[in-house]
Amino acid sequence: MAGRVLNRHKLREQADAGAAEAAAPAAAVPARKNAKTKAATQPRPRKPRAKKPAPRMVARWGVFDTGMKQVAIFDYNQRDAADEKLADLNAKKKPGHFLQIVKEPMPEPAAE
């Protein structure tokens, strides 16, 4: 009951020919009259943002306790006063206070 074996190459050619005929009329459909065609424009290059200068920093001596809580602060040129405060706190309370440099942003000068 088996039927005749079909030639696959001929069937493929017939299918391709049918697809080409069907595609040709679809491509010939005219575009709408009201459709506006825009010219492709290139995107504008983005300008890089100007980088902000880093703020000026001022160094100070900070006296801290063991919980990193700032107890006192002194200007950088007042190291002797900071050492005295550190010795005083370590003598009165439990020792463990320490001295560390703290950098803070310098306040901006007022505009005239």
PDB file of N, CA and C in Angstrom:
ATOM      1  N   MET A   1       0.795  -1.178   0.000  1.00  0.00           N
ATOM      2  CA  MET A   1       0.000   0.000   0.000  1.00  0.00           C
ATOM      3  C   MET A   1       0.851   1.262   0.000  1.00  0.00           C
ATOM      4  N   ALA A   2       2.095   1.044  -0.008  1.00  0.00           N
ATOM      5  CA  ALA A   2       2.962   2.208  -0.003  1.00  0.00           C
ATOM      6  C   ALA A   2       2.845   2.938  -1.326  1.00  0.00           C
ATOM      7  N   GLY A   3       2.805   4.257  -1.240  1.00  0.00           N
ATOM      8  CA  GLY A   3       2.696   5.049  -2.446  1.00  0.00           C
ATOM      9  C   GLY A   3       4.051   5.225  -3.105  1.00  0.00           C
ATOM     10  N   ARG A   4       4.011   5.914  -4.180  1.00  0.00           N
ATOM     11  CA  ARG A   4       5.228   6.153  -4.920  1.00  0.00           C
ATOM     12  C   ARG A   4       6.089   7.167  -4.166  1.00  0.00           C
ATOM     13  N   VAL A   5       7.426   6.981  -4.152  1.00  0.00           N
ATOM     14  CA  VAL A   5       8.343   7.889  -3.474  1.00  0.00           C
ATOM     15  C   VAL A   5       8.439   9.171  -4.299  1.00  0.00           C
ATOM     16  N   LEU A   6       8.185  10.305  -3.652  1.00  0.00           N
ATOM     17  CA  LEU A   6       8.192  11.572  -4.365  1.00  0.00           C
ATOM     18  C   LEU A   6       9.606  12.126  -4.426  1.00  0.00           C
ATOM     19  N   ASN A   7       9.885  12.859  -5.477  1.00  0.00           N
ATOM     20  CA  ASN A   7      11.187  13.486  -5.630  1.00  0.00           C
ATOM     21  C   ASN A   7      11.194  14.773  -4.787  1.00  0.00           C
ATOM     22  N   ARG A   8      11.979  14.759  -3.754  1.00  0.00           N
ATOM     23  CA  ARG A   8      12.009  15.893  -2.816  1.00  0.00           C
ATOM     24  C   ARG A   8      12.576  17.162  -3.452  1.00  0.00           C
ATOM     25  N   HIS A   9      13.511  17.020  -4.366  1.00  0.00           N
ATOM     26  CA  HIS A   9      14.104  18.192  -5.014  1.00  0.00           C
ATOM     27  C   HIS A   9      13.067  18.946  -5.852  1.00  0.00           C
ATOM     28  N   LYS A  10      12.244  18.217  -6.578  1.00  0.00           N
ATOM     29  CA  LYS A  10      11.209  18.871  -7.393  1.00  0.00           C
ATOM     30  C   LYS A  10      10.165  19.542  -6.511  1.00  0.00           C
ATOM     31  N   LEU A  11       9.802  18.904  -5.407  1.00  0.00           N
ATOM     32  CA  LEU A  11       8.834  19.520  -4.486  1.00  0.00           C
ATOM     33  C   LEU A  11       9.389  20.815  -3.882  1.00  0.00           C
ATOM     34  N   ARG A  12      10.676  20.822  -3.567  1.00  0.00           N
ATOM     35  CA  ARG A  12      11.311  22.018  -2.985  1.00  0.00           C
ATOM     36  C   ARG A  12      11.308  23.154  -4.005  1.00  0.00           C
ATOM     37  N   GLU A  13      11.627  22.848  -5.264  1.00  0.00           N
ATOM     38  CA  GLU A  13      11.621  23.875  -6.310  1.00  0.00           C
ATOM     39  C   GLU A  13      10.228  24.459  -6.504  1.00  0.00           C
ATOM     40  N   GLN A  14       9.219  23.620  -6.447  1.00  0.00           N
ATOM     41  CA  GLN A  14       7.848  24.093  -6.608  1.00  0.00           C
ATOM     42  C   GLN A  14       7.440  25.000  -5.443  1.00  0.00           C
ATOM     43  N   ALA A  15       7.867  24.643  -4.229  1.00  0.00           N
ATOM     44  CA  ALA A  15       7.525  25.450  -3.060  1.00  0.00           C
ATOM     45  C   ALA A  15       8.218  26.807  -3.121  1.00  0.00           C
ATOM     46  N   ASP A  16       9.484  26.823  -3.563  1.00  0.00           N
ATOM     47  CA  ASP A  16      10.216  28.088  -3.677  1.00  0.00           C
ATOM     48  C   ASP A  16       9.606  28.972  -4.753  1.00  0.00           C
ATOM     49  N   ALA A  17       9.177  28.379  -5.849  1.00  0.00           N
ATOM     50  CA  ALA A  17       8.564  29.147  -6.930  1.00  0.00           C
ATOM     51  C   ALA A  17       7.234  29.742  -6.467  1.00  0.00           C
ATOM     52  N   GLY A  18       6.469  28.983  -5.712  1.00  0.00           N
ATOM     53  CA  GLY A  18       5.190  29.481  -5.199  1.00  0.00           C
ATOM     54  C   GLY A  18       5.390  30.603  -4.195  1.00  0.00           C
ATOM     55  N   ALA A  19       6.430  30.524  -3.386  1.00  0.00           N
ATOM     56  CA  ALA A  19       6.706  31.571  -2.397  1.00  0.00           C
ATOM     57  C   ALA A  19       7.156  32.851  -3.079  1.00  0.00           C
ATOM     58  N   ALA A  20       7.926  32.726  -4.167  1.00  0.00           N
ATOM     59  CA  ALA A  20       8.392  33.899  -4.890  1.00  0.00           C
ATOM     60  C   ALA A  20       7.230  34.606  -5.567  1.00  0.00           C
ATOM     61  N   GLU A  21       6.277  33.857  -6.117  1.00  0.00           N
ATOM     62  CA  GLU A  21       5.113  34.463  -6.768  1.00  0.00           C
ATOM     63  C   GLU A  21       4.222  35.161  -5.752  1.00  0.00           C
ATOM     64  N   ALA A  22       4.096  34.573  -4.566  1.00  0.00           N
ATOM     65  CA  ALA A  22       3.239  35.170  -3.546  1.00  0.00           C
ATOM     66  C   ALA A  22       3.874  36.430  -2.969  1.00  0.00           C
ATOM     67  N   ALA A  23       5.195  36.489  -2.893  1.00  0.00           N
ATOM     68  CA  ALA A  23       5.880  37.636  -2.308  1.00  0.00           C
ATOM     69  C   ALA A  23       5.927  38.810  -3.266  1.00  0.00           C
ATOM     70  N   ALA A  24       5.938  38.582  -4.557  1.00  0.00           N
ATOM     71  CA  ALA A  24       6.056  39.655  -5.537  1.00  0.00           C
ATOM     72  C   ALA A  24       4.870  40.605  -5.497  1.00  0.00           C
ATOM     73  N   PRO A  25       3.619  40.147  -5.466  1.00  0.00           N
ATOM     74  CA  PRO A  25       2.513  41.107  -5.427  1.00  0.00           C
ATOM     75  C   PRO A  25       2.452  41.876  -4.102  1.00  0.00           C
ATOM     76  N   ALA A  26       2.848  41.270  -3.038  1.00  0.00           N
ATOM     77  CA  ALA A  26       2.800  41.960  -1.746  1.00  0.00           C
ATOM     78  C   ALA A  26       3.789  43.107  -1.706  1.00  0.00           C
ATOM     79  N   ALA A  27       4.933  42.969  -2.361  1.00  0.00           N
ATOM     80  CA  ALA A  27       5.940  44.016  -2.367  1.00  0.00           C
ATOM     81  C   ALA A  27       5.518  45.164  -3.270  1.00  0.00           C
ATOM     82  N   ALA A  28       4.620  44.898  -4.230  1.00  0.00           N
ATOM     83  CA  ALA A  28       4.213  45.919  -5.183  1.00  0.00           C
ATOM     84  C   ALA A  28       3.117  46.829  -4.639  1.00  0.00           C
ATOM     85  N   VAL A  29       2.660  46.612  -3.405  1.00  0.00           N
ATOM     86  CA  VAL A  29       1.602  47.442  -2.821  1.00  0.00           C
ATOM     87  C   VAL A  29       2.177  48.830  -2.572  1.00  0.00           C
ATOM     88  N   PRO A  30       1.572  49.894  -3.105  1.00  0.00           N
ATOM     89  CA  PRO A  30       2.113  51.239  -2.907  1.00  0.00           C
ATOM     90  C   PRO A  30       1.907  51.714  -1.459  1.00  0.00           C
ATOM     91  N   ALA A  31       2.790  52.562  -1.030  1.00  0.00           N
ATOM     92  CA  ALA A  31       2.700  53.113   0.318  1.00  0.00           C
ATOM     93  C   ALA A  31       1.584  54.148   0.363  1.00  0.00           C
ATOM     94  N   ARG A  32       1.124  54.449   1.561  1.00  0.00           N
ATOM     95  CA  ARG A  32       0.064  55.452   1.686  1.00  0.00           C
ATOM     96  C   ARG A  32       0.584  56.809   1.247  1.00  0.00           C
ATOM     97  N   LYS A  33      -0.301  57.624   0.724  1.00  0.00           N
ATOM     98  CA  LYS A  33       0.097  58.935   0.231  1.00  0.00           C
ATOM     99  C   LYS A  33       0.401  59.900   1.369  1.00  0.00           C
ATOM    100  N   ASN A  34      -0.272  59.755   2.503  1.00  0.00           N
ATOM    101  CA  ASN A  34      -0.116  60.699   3.608  1.00  0.00           C
ATOM    102  C   ASN A  34       1.098  60.390   4.487  1.00  0.00           C
ATOM    103  N   ALA A  35       1.713  59.265   4.264  1.00  0.00           N
ATOM    104  CA  ALA A  35       2.851  58.884   5.112  1.00  0.00           C
ATOM    105  C   ALA A  35       4.035  59.798   4.810  1.00  0.00           C
ATOM    106  N   LYS A  36       4.581  60.394   5.840  1.00  0.00           N
ATOM    107  CA  LYS A  36       5.742  61.265   5.684  1.00  0.00           C
ATOM    108  C   LYS A  36       6.997  60.458   5.993  1.00  0.00           C
ATOM    109  N   THR A  37       7.970  60.618   5.158  1.00  0.00           N
ATOM    110  CA  THR A  37       9.225  59.910   5.392  1.00  0.00           C
ATOM    111  C   THR A  37      10.215  60.908   5.976  1.00  0.00           C
ATOM    112  N   LYS A  38      10.780  60.532   7.117  1.00  0.00           N
ATOM    113  CA  LYS A  38      11.759  61.392   7.771  1.00  0.00           C
ATOM    114  C   LYS A  38      13.151  60.965   7.348  1.00  0.00           C
ATOM    115  N   ALA A  39      13.991  61.949   7.175  1.00  0.00           N
ATOM    116  CA  ALA A  39      15.384  61.636   6.876  1.00  0.00           C
ATOM    117  C   ALA A  39      16.041  61.156   8.168  1.00  0.00           C
ATOM    118  N   ALA A  40      16.826  60.128   8.054  1.00  0.00           N
ATOM    119  CA  ALA A  40      17.500  59.579   9.232  1.00  0.00           C
ATOM    120  C   ALA A  40      18.546  60.581   9.709  1.00  0.00           C
ATOM    121  N   THR A  41      18.413  61.024  10.932  1.00  0.00           N
ATOM    122  CA  THR A  41      19.370  61.974  11.489  1.00  0.00           C
ATOM    123  C   THR A  41      20.288  61.246  12.449  1.00  0.00           C
ATOM    124  N   GLN A  42      21.499  61.692  12.494  1.00  0.00           N
ATOM    125  CA  GLN A  42      22.458  61.078  13.405  1.00  0.00           C
ATOM    126  C   GLN A  42      22.265  61.685  14.789  1.00  0.00           C
ATOM    127  N   PRO A  43      22.389  60.874  15.830  1.00  0.00           N
ATOM    128  CA  PRO A  43      22.243  61.424  17.176  1.00  0.00           C
ATOM    129  C   PRO A  43      23.386  62.380  17.489  1.00  0.00           C
ATOM    130  N   ARG A  44      23.039  63.416  18.215  1.00  0.00           N
ATOM    131  CA  ARG A  44      24.051  64.406  18.582  1.00  0.00           C
ATOM    132  C   ARG A  44      24.992  63.807  19.621  1.00  0.00           C
ATOM    133  N   PRO A  45      26.263  64.078  19.505  1.00  0.00           N
ATOM    134  CA  PRO A  45      27.183  63.567  20.533  1.00  0.00           C
ATOM    135  C   PRO A  45      26.985  64.333  21.835  1.00  0.00           C
ATOM    136  N   ARG A  46      26.981  63.597  22.915  1.00  0.00           N
ATOM    137  CA  ARG A  46      26.769  64.244  24.216  1.00  0.00           C
ATOM    138  C   ARG A  46      28.048  64.902  24.694  1.00  0.00           C
ATOM    139  N   LYS A  47      27.879  66.075  25.272  1.00  0.00           N
ATOM    140  CA  LYS A  47      29.027  66.779  25.816  1.00  0.00           C
ATOM    141  C   LYS A  47      29.299  66.233  27.216  1.00  0.00           C
ATOM    142  N   PRO A  48      30.532  65.968  27.523  1.00  0.00           N
ATOM    143  CA  PRO A  48      30.823  65.489  28.880  1.00  0.00           C
ATOM    144  C   PRO A  48      30.633  66.614  29.888  1.00  0.00           C
ATOM    145  N   ARG A  49      30.136  66.241  31.046  1.00  0.00           N
ATOM    146  CA  ARG A  49      29.941  67.251  32.091  1.00  0.00           C
ATOM    147  C   ARG A  49      31.291  67.705  32.635  1.00  0.00           C
ATOM    148  N   ALA A  50      31.327  68.964  32.989  1.00  0.00           N
ATOM    149  CA  ALA A  50      32.540  69.487  33.600  1.00  0.00           C
ATOM    150  C   ALA A  50      32.664  68.896  34.999  1.00  0.00           C
ATOM    151  N   LYS A  51      33.831  68.359  35.309  1.00  0.00           N
ATOM    152  CA  LYS A  51      34.027  67.742  36.606  1.00  0.00           C
ATOM    153  C   LYS A  51      34.220  68.817  37.668  1.00  0.00           C
ATOM    154  N   LYS A  52      33.574  68.593  38.804  1.00  0.00           N
ATOM    155  CA  LYS A  52      33.715  69.535  39.905  1.00  0.00           C
ATOM    156  C   LYS A  52      35.070  69.319  40.561  1.00  0.00           C
ATOM    157  N   PRO A  53      35.742  70.408  40.894  1.00  0.00           N
ATOM    158  CA  PRO A  53      37.024  70.219  41.578  1.00  0.00           C
ATOM    159  C   PRO A  53      36.787  69.677  42.994  1.00  0.00           C
ATOM    160  N   ALA A  54      37.721  68.903  43.464  1.00  0.00           N
ATOM    161  CA  ALA A  54      37.603  68.339  44.813  1.00  0.00           C
ATOM    162  C   ALA A  54      37.659  69.476  45.835  1.00  0.00           C
ATOM    163  N   PRO A  55      36.857  69.392  46.885  1.00  0.00           N
ATOM    164  CA  PRO A  55      36.876  70.481  47.877  1.00  0.00           C
ATOM    165  C   PRO A  55      38.213  70.516  48.599  1.00  0.00           C
ATOM    166  N   ARG A  56      38.618  71.706  48.968  1.00  0.00           N
ATOM    167  CA  ARG A  56      39.856  71.857  49.739  1.00  0.00           C
ATOM    168  C   ARG A  56      39.626  71.320  51.134  1.00  0.00           C
ATOM    169  N   MET A  57      40.610  70.620  51.648  1.00  0.00           N
ATOM    170  CA  MET A  57      40.483  69.987  52.953  1.00  0.00           C
ATOM    171  C   MET A  57      41.420  70.670  53.945  1.00  0.00           C
ATOM    172  N   VAL A  58      41.025  70.632  55.210  1.00  0.00           N
ATOM    173  CA  VAL A  58      41.847  71.153  56.294  1.00  0.00           C
ATOM    174  C   VAL A  58      42.075  70.001  57.275  1.00  0.00           C
ATOM    175  N   ALA A  59      43.317  69.877  57.750  1.00  0.00           N
ATOM    176  CA  ALA A  59      43.668  68.801  58.684  1.00  0.00           C
ATOM    177  C   ALA A  59      43.621  69.331  60.102  1.00  0.00           C
ATOM    178  N   ARG A  60      43.068  68.528  61.001  1.00  0.00           N
ATOM    179  CA  ARG A  60      42.990  68.886  62.420  1.00  0.00           C
ATOM    180  C   ARG A  60      43.306  67.658  63.251  1.00  0.00           C
ATOM    181  N   TRP A  61      43.638  67.882  64.516  1.00  0.00           N
ATOM    182  CA  TRP A  61      43.875  66.787  65.449  1.00  0.00           C
ATOM    183  C   TRP A  61      42.594  66.521  66.210  1.00  0.00           C
ATOM    184  N   GLY A  62      42.177  65.269  66.225  1.00  0.00           N
ATOM    185  CA  GLY A  62      40.979  64.898  66.955  1.00  0.00           C
ATOM    186  C   GLY A  62      41.326  63.941  68.073  1.00  0.00           C
ATOM    187  N   VAL A  63      40.722  64.160  69.233  1.00  0.00           N
ATOM    188  CA  VAL A  63      40.884  63.245  70.369  1.00  0.00           C
ATOM    189  C   VAL A  63      39.617  62.401  70.415  1.00  0.00           C
ATOM    190  N   PHE A  64      39.803  61.079  70.389  1.00  0.00           N
ATOM    191  CA  PHE A  64      38.687  60.148  70.330  1.00  0.00           C
ATOM    192  C   PHE A  64      38.736  59.195  71.521  1.00  0.00           C
ATOM    193  N   ASP A  65      37.536  58.698  71.904  1.00  0.00           N
ATOM    194  CA  ASP A  65      37.499  57.662  72.935  1.00  0.00           C
ATOM    195  C   ASP A  65      37.475  56.298  72.262  1.00  0.00           C
ATOM    196  N   THR A  66      37.335  55.245  73.048  1.00  0.00           N
ATOM    197  CA  THR A  66      37.403  53.891  72.486  1.00  0.00           C
ATOM    198  C   THR A  66      36.222  53.576  71.572  1.00  0.00           C
ATOM    199  N   GLY A  67      35.136  54.285  71.682  1.00  0.00           N
ATOM    200  CA  GLY A  67      33.969  54.078  70.825  1.00  0.00           C
ATOM    201  C   GLY A  67      33.999  54.942  69.575  1.00  0.00           C
ATOM    202  N   MET A  68      35.154  55.497  69.239  1.00  0.00           N
ATOM    203  CA  MET A  68      35.351  56.373  68.072  1.00  0.00           C
ATOM    204  C   MET A  68      34.487  57.629  68.138  1.00  0.00           C
ATOM    205  N   LYS A  69      34.138  58.045  69.345  1.00  0.00           N
ATOM    206  CA  LYS A  69      33.393  59.291  69.513  1.00  0.00           C
ATOM    207  C   LYS A  69      34.404  60.414  69.693  1.00  0.00           C
ATOM    208  N   GLN A  70      34.224  61.486  68.926  1.00  0.00           N
ATOM    209  CA  GLN A  70      35.161  62.596  68.985  1.00  0.00           C
ATOM    210  C   GLN A  70      34.919  63.387  70.257  1.00  0.00           C
ATOM    211  N   VAL A  71      35.962  63.498  71.082  1.00  0.00           N
ATOM    212  CA  VAL A  71      35.854  64.198  72.364  1.00  0.00           C
ATOM    213  C   VAL A  71      36.286  65.658  72.218  1.00  0.00           C
ATOM    214  N   ALA A  72      37.369  65.894  71.494  1.00  0.00           N
ATOM    215  CA  ALA A  72      37.874  67.250  71.302  1.00  0.00           C
ATOM    216  C   ALA A  72      38.548  67.332  69.940  1.00  0.00           C
ATOM    217  N   ILE A  73      38.664  68.572  69.440  1.00  0.00           N
ATOM    218  CA  ILE A  73      39.328  68.790  68.152  1.00  0.00           C
ATOM    219  C   ILE A  73      40.194  70.036  68.256  1.00  0.00           C
ATOM    220  N   PHE A  74      41.382  69.958  67.646  1.00  0.00           N
ATOM    221  CA  PHE A  74      42.342  71.048  67.695  1.00  0.00           C
ATOM    222  C   PHE A  74      42.869  71.295  66.288  1.00  0.00           C
ATOM    223  N   ASP A  75      43.259  72.544  66.000  1.00  0.00           N
ATOM    224  CA  ASP A  75      43.877  72.851  64.715  1.00  0.00           C
ATOM    225  C   ASP A  75      45.190  72.091  64.590  1.00  0.00           C
ATOM    226  N   TYR A  76      45.665  71.957  63.355  1.00  0.00           N
ATOM    227  CA  TYR A  76      46.841  71.139  63.109  1.00  0.00           C
ATOM    228  C   TYR A  76      48.083  71.689  63.810  1.00  0.00           C
ATOM    229  N   ASN A  77      48.175  73.005  63.934  1.00  0.00           N
ATOM    230  CA  ASN A  77      49.351  73.594  64.568  1.00  0.00           C
ATOM    231  C   ASN A  77      49.269  73.578  66.094  1.00  0.00           C
ATOM    232  N   GLN A  78      48.230  73.029  66.675  1.00  0.00           N
ATOM    233  CA  GLN A  78      48.063  72.950  68.134  1.00  0.00           C
ATOM    234  C   GLN A  78      48.218  71.504  68.620  1.00  0.00           C
ATOM    235  N   ARG A  79      49.253  70.845  68.147  1.00  0.00           N
ATOM    236  CA  ARG A  79      49.485  69.441  68.522  1.00  0.00           C
ATOM    237  C   ARG A  79      49.782  69.320  70.022  1.00  0.00           C
ATOM    238  N   ASP A  80      50.510  70.271  70.587  1.00  0.00           N
ATOM    239  CA  ASP A  80      50.850  70.210  72.024  1.00  0.00           C
ATOM    240  C   ASP A  80      49.599  70.261  72.881  1.00  0.00           C
ATOM    241  N   ALA A  81      48.642  71.131  72.536  1.00  0.00           N
ATOM    242  CA  ALA A  81      47.394  71.225  73.296  1.00  0.00           C
ATOM    243  C   ALA A  81      46.592  69.928  73.170  1.00  0.00           C
ATOM    244  N   ALA A  82      46.623  69.317  72.001  1.00  0.00           N
ATOM    245  CA  ALA A  82      45.911  68.057  71.805  1.00  0.00           C
ATOM    246  C   ALA A  82      46.542  66.948  72.642  1.00  0.00           C
ATOM    247  N   ASP A  83      47.881  66.926  72.723  1.00  0.00           N
ATOM    248  CA  ASP A  83      48.564  65.924  73.551  1.00  0.00           C
ATOM    249  C   ASP A  83      48.244  66.114  75.034  1.00  0.00           C
ATOM    250  N   GLU A  84      48.176  67.363  75.484  1.00  0.00           N
ATOM    251  CA  GLU A  84      47.823  67.637  76.885  1.00  0.00           C
ATOM    252  C   GLU A  84      46.407  67.154  77.197  1.00  0.00           C
ATOM    253  N   LYS A  85      45.470  67.426  76.308  1.00  0.00           N
ATOM    254  CA  LYS A  85      44.083  66.986  76.496  1.00  0.00           C
ATOM    255  C   LYS A  85      44.015  65.459  76.523  1.00  0.00           C
ATOM    256  N   LEU A  86      44.780  64.799  75.675  1.00  0.00           N
ATOM    257  CA  LEU A  86      44.816  63.344  75.631  1.00  0.00           C
ATOM    258  C   LEU A  86      45.366  62.779  76.940  1.00  0.00           C
ATOM    259  N   ALA A  87      46.444  63.361  77.462  1.00  0.00           N
ATOM    260  CA  ALA A  87      47.027  62.892  78.719  1.00  0.00           C
ATOM    261  C   ALA A  87      46.059  63.125  79.871  1.00  0.00           C
ATOM    262  N   ASP A  88      45.381  64.258  79.861  1.00  0.00           N
ATOM    263  CA  ASP A  88      44.421  64.582  80.918  1.00  0.00           C
ATOM    264  C   ASP A  88      43.255  63.583  80.923  1.00  0.00           C
ATOM    265  N   LEU A  89      42.705  63.275  79.746  1.00  0.00           N
ATOM    266  CA  LEU A  89      41.587  62.329  79.670  1.00  0.00           C
ATOM    267  C   LEU A  89      42.017  60.919  80.072  1.00  0.00           C
ATOM    268  N   ASN A  90      43.213  60.501  79.673  1.00  0.00           N
ATOM    269  CA  ASN A  90      43.683  59.162  80.033  1.00  0.00           C
ATOM    270  C   ASN A  90      43.971  59.063  81.524  1.00  0.00           C
ATOM    271  N   ALA A  91      44.349  60.188  82.179  1.00  0.00           N
ATOM    272  CA  ALA A  91      44.621  60.161  83.616  1.00  0.00           C
ATOM    273  C   ALA A  91      43.313  60.156  84.415  1.00  0.00           C
ATOM    274  N   LYS A  92      42.316  60.949  83.997  1.00  0.00           N
ATOM    275  CA  LYS A  92      41.069  61.065  84.752  1.00  0.00           C
ATOM    276  C   LYS A  92      40.147  59.867  84.527  1.00  0.00           C
ATOM    277  N   LYS A  93      40.037  59.434  83.316  1.00  0.00           N
ATOM    278  CA  LYS A  93      39.109  58.358  82.981  1.00  0.00           C
ATOM    279  C   LYS A  93      39.904  57.109  82.616  1.00  0.00           C
ATOM    280  N   LYS A  94      39.205  56.111  82.163  1.00  0.00           N
ATOM    281  CA  LYS A  94      39.893  54.900  81.741  1.00  0.00           C
ATOM    282  C   LYS A  94      40.807  55.222  80.560  1.00  0.00           C
ATOM    283  N   PRO A  95      42.011  54.666  80.562  1.00  0.00           N
ATOM    284  CA  PRO A  95      42.873  54.917  79.402  1.00  0.00           C
ATOM    285  C   PRO A  95      42.280  54.255  78.162  1.00  0.00           C
ATOM    286  N   GLY A  96      42.532  54.821  77.044  1.00  0.00           N
ATOM    287  CA  GLY A  96      41.977  54.295  75.796  1.00  0.00           C
ATOM    288  C   GLY A  96      41.675  55.406  74.824  1.00  0.00           C
ATOM    289  N   HIS A  97      41.815  56.653  75.257  1.00  0.00           N
ATOM    290  CA  HIS A  97      41.635  57.764  74.328  1.00  0.00           C
ATOM    291  C   HIS A  97      42.857  57.813  73.415  1.00  0.00           C
ATOM    292  N   PHE A  98      42.654  58.280  72.212  1.00  0.00           N
ATOM    293  CA  PHE A  98      43.767  58.353  71.264  1.00  0.00           C
ATOM    294  C   PHE A  98      43.624  59.588  70.396  1.00  0.00           C
ATOM    295  N   LEU A  99      44.708  59.912  69.696  1.00  0.00           N
ATOM    296  CA  LEU A  99      44.805  61.103  68.868  1.00  0.00           C
ATOM    297  C   LEU A  99      44.843  60.668  67.400  1.00  0.00           C
ATOM    298  N   GLN A 100      44.092  61.373  66.565  1.00  0.00           N
ATOM    299  CA  GLN A 100      44.035  61.010  65.155  1.00  0.00           C
ATOM    300  C   GLN A 100      43.801  62.265  64.326  1.00  0.00           C
ATOM    301  N   ILE A 101      44.375  62.279  63.113  1.00  0.00           N
ATOM    302  CA  ILE A 101      44.154  63.414  62.205  1.00  0.00           C
ATOM    303  C   ILE A 101      42.762  63.294  61.602  1.00  0.00           C
ATOM    304  N   VAL A 102      42.056  64.418  61.567  1.00  0.00           N
ATOM    305  CA  VAL A 102      40.718  64.476  60.978  1.00  0.00           C
ATOM    306  C   VAL A 102      40.784  65.470  59.827  1.00  0.00           C
ATOM    307  N   LYS A 103      40.330  65.053  58.637  1.00  0.00           N
ATOM    308  CA  LYS A 103      40.305  65.956  57.489  1.00  0.00           C
ATOM    309  C   LYS A 103      38.870  66.370  57.237  1.00  0.00           C
ATOM    310  N   GLU A 104      38.648  67.667  57.168  1.00  0.00           N
ATOM    311  CA  GLU A 104      37.316  68.232  56.961  1.00  0.00           C
ATOM    312  C   GLU A 104      37.369  69.176  55.763  1.00  0.00           C
ATOM    313  N   PRO A 105      36.259  69.337  55.051  1.00  0.00           N
ATOM    314  CA  PRO A 105      36.275  70.315  53.946  1.00  0.00           C
ATOM    315  C   PRO A 105      36.418  71.734  54.492  1.00  0.00           C
ATOM    316  N   MET A 106      37.222  72.497  53.812  1.00  0.00           N
ATOM    317  CA  MET A 106      37.476  73.879  54.225  1.00  0.00           C
ATOM    318  C   MET A 106      36.239  74.701  53.888  1.00  0.00           C
ATOM    319  N   PRO A 107      35.776  75.558  54.811  1.00  0.00           N
ATOM    320  CA  PRO A 107      34.612  76.387  54.501  1.00  0.00           C
ATOM    321  C   PRO A 107      34.933  77.349  53.367  1.00  0.00           C
ATOM    322  N   GLU A 108      33.945  77.566  52.484  1.00  0.00           N
ATOM    323  CA  GLU A 108      34.117  78.467  51.345  1.00  0.00           C
ATOM    324  C   GLU A 108      34.147  79.916  51.840  1.00  0.00           C
ATOM    325  N   PRO A 109      35.025  80.739  51.268  1.00  0.00           N
ATOM    326  CA  PRO A 109      35.049  82.151  51.670  1.00  0.00           C
ATOM    327  C   PRO A 109      33.780  82.847  51.188  1.00  0.00           C
ATOM    328  N   ALA A 110      33.314  83.781  51.974  1.00  0.00           N
ATOM    329  CA  ALA A 110      32.096  84.512  51.635  1.00  0.00           C
ATOM    330  C   ALA A 110      32.357  85.422  50.446  1.00  0.00           C
ATOM    331  N   ALA A 111      31.438  85.430  49.481  1.00  0.00           N
ATOM    332  CA  ALA A 111      31.584  86.277  48.289  1.00  0.00           C
ATOM    333  C   ALA A 111      31.301  87.718  48.660  1.00  0.00           C
ATOM    334  N   GLU A 112      32.089  88.608  48.124  1.00  0.00           N
ATOM    335  CA  GLU A 112      31.900  90.035  48.437  1.00  0.00           C
ATOM    336  C   GLU A 112      30.995  90.689  47.442  1.00  0.00           C
TER     337      GLU A 112
END
